[in-house]
Amino acid sequence: VVSKWFSYKEAVGSSTASQRGIDNTPTPNILEAIKSSAKRLDAVRELLGKPILVNSWYRCPELNKVVGGSATSDHLSGRSIDFISPSYGSPYDVCLAIKDSGIEFAQLIFETNSRGSQWVHIGFGTKMRGEVLTYSPKKGYRKGLWES
């Protein structure tokens, strides 16, 4: 357990890492960052009042490269989480709730991939700059929240 609502397995588990034999064990410093992020994600869970399903949290450099993550991604430090909360609503609805909640974050991104899957990316980096973005393969990154 890394916080009230989240487990160590949720923070470091990866089917891609398992399939490829990648050791995704965090260093002690990264584990501390994961715990800090988990406490902040607890506030998001309590805001939503519904379960959060983590898609991706900590990624070691090898795993981050395999999944096509940015070389500067906060997933590498355990400070970013990709998730959905289907029982709350769409990822867009979740982003709207977080954006207006007063919860501090570095980045909040409503993301869509080329297959049309959508999720919330929230980062709790070292600077809580409150950046809100939308990402889609066709339009790239845009400031603010856009449904499509």
Protein backbone atom coordinates (compact mmCIF):
# COMPACT_ATOMS: atom_id res chain seq x y z
CA VAL A 1 0.00 0.00 0.00
CA VAL A 2 1.36 3.41 -0.96
CA SER A 3 -1.67 5.43 0.21
CA LYS A 4 -5.24 5.12 1.45
CA TRP A 5 -6.63 4.20 -1.99
CA PHE A 6 -3.67 2.93 -4.03
CA SER A 7 -1.38 -0.09 -3.92
CA TYR A 8 2.26 -0.58 -4.80
CA LYS A 9 1.15 -2.98 -7.56
CA GLU A 10 -0.99 -0.25 -9.16
CA ALA A 11 1.97 2.13 -9.11
CA VAL A 12 4.56 -0.19 -10.67
CA GLY A 13 2.53 -2.90 -12.41
CA SER A 14 2.78 -3.08 -16.19
CA SER A 15 1.60 -5.80 -18.53
CA THR A 16 4.15 -4.56 -21.09
CA ALA A 17 6.98 -4.88 -18.55
CA SER A 18 5.79 -8.37 -17.58
CA GLN A 19 5.51 -9.51 -21.20
CA ARG A 20 8.97 -8.18 -22.07
CA GLY A 21 10.77 -9.17 -18.87
CA ILE A 22 11.46 -5.57 -17.87
CA ASP A 23 12.20 -4.96 -14.18
CA ASN A 24 10.04 -1.95 -13.28
CA THR A 25 11.13 -1.77 -9.63
CA PRO A 26 11.55 1.84 -8.46
CA THR A 27 14.55 3.14 -6.54
CA PRO A 28 13.93 4.25 -2.93
CA ASN A 29 13.80 7.92 -4.01
CA ILE A 30 11.29 7.16 -6.75
CA LEU A 31 9.22 5.11 -4.29
CA GLU A 32 9.01 8.20 -2.08
CA ALA A 33 7.82 10.23 -5.09
CA ILE A 34 5.22 7.53 -5.83
CA LYS A 35 3.95 7.73 -2.25
CA SER A 36 3.71 11.51 -2.46
CA SER A 37 1.83 11.29 -5.77
CA ALA A 38 -0.44 8.60 -4.34
CA LYS A 39 -1.49 10.87 -1.49
CA ARG A 40 -2.35 13.56 -4.02
CA LEU A 41 -4.22 11.01 -6.15
CA ASP A 42 -6.17 10.05 -3.01
CA ALA A 43 -7.62 13.58 -3.10
CA VAL A 44 -8.73 12.99 -6.71
CA ARG A 45 -10.31 9.66 -5.71
CA GLU A 46 -12.18 11.37 -2.86
CA LEU A 47 -13.30 14.20 -5.16
CA LEU A 48 -14.74 11.72 -7.66
CA GLY A 49 -16.23 9.43 -5.01
CA LYS A 50 -15.65 6.54 -7.41
CA PRO A 51 -12.80 4.09 -8.07
CA ILE A 52 -9.83 5.09 -10.21
CA LEU A 53 -8.37 2.48 -12.57
CA VAL A 54 -4.67 3.13 -13.13
CA ASN A 55 -3.38 2.45 -16.65
CA SER A 56 0.20 3.65 -16.18
CA TRP A 57 2.12 5.17 -13.29
CA TYR A 58 5.83 4.58 -12.71
CA ARG A 59 7.88 3.60 -15.76
CA CYS A 60 11.57 2.75 -15.58
CA PRO A 61 13.59 4.18 -18.52
CA GLU A 62 13.48 0.90 -20.48
CA LEU A 63 9.70 0.56 -20.10
CA ASN A 64 9.14 4.23 -20.92
CA LYS A 65 11.12 3.82 -24.15
CA VAL A 66 9.22 0.65 -25.15
CA VAL A 67 5.82 2.34 -24.70
CA GLY A 68 6.93 5.46 -26.60
CA GLY A 69 6.91 7.81 -23.60
CA SER A 70 8.61 11.18 -23.62
CA ALA A 71 12.23 11.20 -22.44
CA THR A 72 11.22 13.97 -19.99
CA SER A 73 8.06 12.24 -18.76
CA ASP A 74 7.18 12.49 -15.07
CA HIS A 75 6.21 8.79 -15.32
CA LEU A 76 9.98 8.20 -15.03
CA SER A 77 9.99 9.76 -11.56
CA GLY A 78 6.70 8.22 -10.40
CA ARG A 79 5.00 11.61 -10.41
CA SER A 80 2.53 11.07 -13.29
CA ILE A 81 -0.45 8.76 -13.51
CA ASP A 82 -2.67 7.79 -16.44
CA PHE A 83 -6.11 6.61 -15.34
CA ILE A 84 -9.83 6.35 -15.98
CA SER A 85 -12.84 6.33 -13.67
CA PRO A 86 -15.67 4.80 -15.72
CA SER A 87 -18.14 4.77 -12.84
CA TYR A 88 -17.65 8.54 -12.46
CA GLY A 89 -17.83 9.37 -16.16
CA SER A 90 -15.74 9.92 -19.27
CA PRO A 91 -12.10 10.96 -18.99
CA TYR A 92 -13.20 14.40 -20.22
CA ASP A 93 -15.73 14.65 -17.35
CA VAL A 94 -13.04 13.57 -14.87
CA CYS A 95 -10.69 16.26 -16.19
CA LEU A 96 -13.41 18.90 -15.83
CA ALA A 97 -14.00 17.88 -12.21
CA ILE A 98 -10.29 17.97 -11.33
CA LYS A 99 -9.65 21.25 -13.17
CA ASP A 100 -12.24 23.11 -11.12
CA SER A 101 -11.61 21.33 -7.79
CA GLY A 102 -8.71 23.27 -6.30
CA ILE A 103 -6.53 20.13 -6.27
CA GLU A 104 -2.96 21.15 -7.08
CA PHE A 105 -1.24 19.47 -10.02
CA ALA A 106 1.61 20.15 -12.40
CA GLN A 107 -0.23 18.91 -15.49
CA LEU A 108 -3.70 17.66 -16.29
CA ILE A 109 -4.10 16.24 -19.79
CA PHE A 110 -7.18 14.78 -21.46
CA GLU A 111 -5.52 12.29 -23.81
CA THR A 112 -6.72 10.30 -26.81
CA ASN A 113 -4.61 7.83 -28.79
CA SER A 114 -4.78 6.81 -32.46
CA ARG A 115 -7.19 3.96 -31.61
CA GLY A 116 -9.63 6.37 -29.96
CA SER A 117 -8.91 5.30 -26.36
CA GLN A 118 -9.15 8.15 -23.87
CA TRP A 119 -7.72 8.67 -20.39
CA VAL A 120 -6.68 11.26 -17.84
CA HIS A 121 -3.00 12.06 -17.36
CA ILE A 122 -2.24 13.87 -14.12
CA GLY A 123 1.23 14.91 -13.07
CA PHE A 124 2.36 15.97 -9.62
CA GLY A 125 5.79 17.22 -10.60
CA THR A 126 8.07 19.44 -8.58
CA LYS A 127 6.32 22.59 -9.88
CA MET A 128 2.53 22.62 -9.42
CA ARG A 129 1.94 24.89 -12.41
CA GLY A 130 -1.70 23.88 -13.02
CA GLU A 131 -1.22 23.34 -16.75
CA VAL A 132 -4.36 21.97 -18.46
CA LEU A 133 -4.02 20.41 -21.92
CA THR A 134 -5.80 18.20 -24.43
CA TYR A 135 -3.85 15.77 -26.59
CA SER A 136 -4.93 13.91 -29.71
CA PRO A 137 -2.77 12.47 -32.48
CA LYS A 138 -4.45 14.64 -35.14
CA LYS A 139 -4.20 17.97 -33.30
CA GLY A 140 -1.28 17.41 -30.91
CA TYR A 141 -1.23 19.29 -27.60
CA ARG A 142 -3.66 22.18 -27.12
CA LYS A 143 -4.13 24.41 -24.09
CA GLY A 144 -7.37 23.83 -22.21
CA LEU A 145 -9.88 20.99 -22.35
CA TRP A 146 -11.39 20.08 -25.71
CA GLU A 147 -13.86 17.23 -26.16
CA SER A 148 -12.38 16.18 -29.50
